[in-house]
């Protein structure tokens, strides 16, 4: 059962978190393109699509920690320091996405749809920075999941 849960956890991470990291990373560039040519309908469509991908896959991404907790429980590793660190970093990444990135994307998209340049390059730069931190948090969690310092689970 442990291997099955671990497989679901890894699949959920790849299929849910991967699209969010890519789409969120592409959003600032698409936003800059929209600001440089407010009449570009294709750029606005791309911006909408990237924001939708981020929102939908963020919701689907809830499966990652659910399967992660189930896997850790079946391994008896819930108290392991590497797992606790991963949980904290995952919570930080989720909070960053839910509280900063998605609302900033929504604000930028609303302004772009209204034909308003709004905060312009400043919001694009801030989104790029926030997304970089989000991606770094997930990369760190991935490394912790692979290396698992001090792990005795043998899995």
Protein backbone atom coordinates (compact mmCIF):
# COMPACT_ATOMS: atom_id res chain seq x y z
CA UNK A 1 0.00 0.00 0.00
CA UNK A 2 2.90 2.35 0.76
CA UNK A 3 4.26 2.14 -2.77
CA UNK A 4 0.81 2.83 -4.19
CA UNK A 5 0.37 5.90 -1.97
CA UNK A 6 3.86 7.11 -2.81
CA UNK A 7 3.11 6.69 -6.51
CA UNK A 8 -0.10 8.73 -6.15
CA UNK A 9 1.79 11.39 -4.19
CA UNK A 10 4.51 11.72 -6.84
CA UNK A 11 1.99 11.69 -9.71
CA UNK A 12 -0.11 14.34 -8.01
CA UNK A 13 2.99 16.49 -7.46
CA UNK A 14 4.10 16.19 -11.08
CA UNK A 15 0.65 16.62 -12.63
CA UNK A 16 -0.64 19.35 -10.30
CA UNK A 17 2.34 21.37 -9.14
CA UNK A 18 4.24 21.24 -12.45
CA UNK A 19 1.59 23.14 -14.43
CA UNK A 20 1.26 25.77 -11.69
CA UNK A 21 5.00 26.43 -11.59
CA UNK A 22 5.20 26.72 -15.38
CA UNK A 23 2.06 28.83 -15.84
CA UNK A 24 2.90 31.12 -12.92
CA UNK A 25 6.40 31.59 -14.34
CA UNK A 26 4.99 32.49 -17.77
CA UNK A 27 2.41 34.94 -16.42
CA UNK A 28 4.73 37.94 -15.83
CA UNK A 29 6.06 37.81 -19.39
CA UNK A 30 2.53 37.55 -20.80
CA UNK A 31 1.54 40.47 -18.58
CA UNK A 32 4.41 42.59 -19.92
CA UNK A 33 3.29 41.71 -23.46
CA UNK A 34 -0.26 42.79 -22.63
CA UNK A 35 0.98 46.08 -21.17
CA UNK A 36 3.21 46.80 -24.16
CA UNK A 37 0.28 46.37 -26.57
CA UNK A 38 -3.08 46.78 -24.78
CA UNK A 39 -4.97 45.96 -27.98
CA UNK A 40 -3.32 42.57 -28.42
CA UNK A 41 -6.24 40.14 -27.90
CA UNK A 42 -3.95 37.12 -28.18
CA UNK A 43 -1.81 38.36 -25.29
CA UNK A 44 -4.92 38.92 -23.16
CA UNK A 45 -6.20 35.43 -24.01
CA UNK A 46 -2.83 33.95 -22.99
CA UNK A 47 -2.96 35.89 -19.72
CA UNK A 48 -6.45 34.55 -18.97
CA UNK A 49 -5.40 31.00 -19.78
CA UNK A 50 -2.29 31.15 -17.60
CA UNK A 51 -4.29 32.51 -14.67
CA UNK A 52 -6.92 29.82 -15.09
CA UNK A 53 -4.24 27.10 -15.16
CA UNK A 54 -2.78 28.47 -11.94
CA UNK A 55 -6.16 28.57 -10.19
CA UNK A 56 -7.40 25.17 -11.33
CA UNK A 57 -4.16 23.28 -10.74
CA UNK A 58 -3.66 24.99 -7.38
CA UNK A 59 -6.98 23.48 -6.30
CA UNK A 60 -6.01 20.08 -7.69
CA UNK A 61 -2.66 20.43 -5.92
CA UNK A 62 -4.38 19.87 -2.58
CA UNK A 63 -4.07 16.17 -3.42
CA UNK A 64 -0.27 16.40 -3.06
CA UNK A 65 -0.16 16.92 0.72
CA UNK A 66 -3.13 14.58 1.21
CA UNK A 67 -1.29 11.71 -0.47
CA UNK A 68 1.93 12.88 1.18
CA UNK A 69 0.47 12.59 4.69
CA UNK A 70 -1.01 9.18 3.84
CA UNK A 71 2.36 7.99 2.53
CA UNK A 72 4.28 9.37 5.52
CA UNK A 73 1.79 7.78 7.90
CA UNK A 74 2.14 4.38 6.25
CA UNK A 75 5.95 4.74 6.45
CA UNK A 76 5.82 5.81 10.09
CA UNK A 77 7.77 8.94 9.20
CA UNK A 78 5.40 11.68 10.38
CA UNK A 79 7.85 12.90 13.04
CA UNK A 80 10.93 12.92 10.82
CA UNK A 81 12.71 16.29 10.65
CA UNK A 82 13.01 16.16 6.85
CA UNK A 83 9.27 15.59 6.58
CA UNK A 84 8.42 18.37 9.02
CA UNK A 85 10.66 20.73 7.04
CA UNK A 86 8.91 19.64 3.83
CA UNK A 87 5.50 20.25 5.39
CA UNK A 88 6.50 23.74 6.52
CA UNK A 89 7.93 24.59 3.08
CA UNK A 90 4.86 23.17 1.33
CA UNK A 91 2.60 25.26 3.57
CA UNK A 92 4.71 28.34 2.80
CA UNK A 93 4.50 27.65 -0.95
CA UNK A 94 0.72 27.12 -0.76
CA UNK A 95 0.25 30.31 1.27
CA UNK A 96 2.41 32.28 -1.15
CA UNK A 97 0.38 31.00 -4.09
CA UNK A 98 -3.03 31.49 -2.47
CA UNK A 99 -2.40 34.78 -0.69
CA UNK A 100 0.00 36.65 -2.95
CA UNK A 101 0.46 35.18 -6.44
CA UNK A 102 -3.14 34.34 -7.40
CA UNK A 103 -4.59 37.62 -6.05
CA UNK A 104 -1.85 39.63 -7.82
CA UNK A 105 -2.54 37.74 -11.04
CA UNK A 106 -6.25 38.40 -10.64
CA UNK A 107 -5.66 42.12 -10.09
CA UNK A 108 -3.31 42.34 -13.08
CA UNK A 109 -5.73 40.42 -15.29
CA UNK A 110 -8.67 42.61 -14.27
CA UNK A 111 -6.66 45.73 -15.08
CA UNK A 112 -5.52 44.29 -18.42
CA UNK A 113 -9.08 43.33 -19.38
CA UNK A 114 -10.26 46.85 -18.57
CA UNK A 115 -7.58 48.24 -20.86
CA UNK A 116 -5.99 49.86 -17.84
CA UNK A 117 -2.21 49.68 -17.65
CA UNK A 118 -2.56 49.71 -13.85
CA UNK A 119 0.66 49.16 -11.94
CA UNK A 120 2.38 48.11 -15.18
CA UNK A 121 5.90 46.72 -15.04
CA UNK A 122 5.99 46.93 -11.26
CA UNK A 123 3.37 44.20 -10.76
CA UNK A 124 5.02 42.08 -13.43
CA UNK A 125 8.37 42.28 -11.66
CA UNK A 126 6.77 41.53 -8.28
CA UNK A 127 4.94 38.53 -9.73
CA UNK A 128 8.16 37.25 -11.28
CA UNK A 129 9.89 37.49 -7.91
CA UNK A 130 7.06 35.84 -5.99
CA UNK A 131 6.85 33.05 -8.55
CA UNK A 132 10.60 32.52 -8.31
CA UNK A 133 10.32 32.10 -4.55
CA UNK A 134 7.35 29.74 -5.00
CA UNK A 135 9.34 27.62 -7.46
CA UNK A 136 12.38 27.62 -5.16
CA UNK A 137 10.23 26.39 -2.27
CA UNK A 138 8.92 23.51 -4.38
CA UNK A 139 12.41 22.67 -5.63
CA UNK A 140 13.60 22.50 -2.02
CA UNK A 141 10.70 20.24 -1.05
CA UNK A 142 11.50 17.99 -4.01
CA UNK A 143 15.13 17.71 -2.95
CA UNK A 144 14.10 16.94 0.64
CA UNK A 145 11.73 14.24 -0.58
CA UNK A 146 14.52 12.61 -2.58
CA UNK A 147 17.45 13.02 -0.18
CA UNK A 148 15.50 12.66 3.11
CA UNK A 149 18.39 13.42 5.47
CA UNK A 150 18.33 11.10 8.45
CA UNK A 151 15.56 8.98 6.98
CA UNK A 152 15.40 5.39 8.13
CA UNK A 153 12.32 4.43 6.12
CA UNK A 154 14.29 2.61 3.44
CA UNK A 155 11.66 3.58 0.84
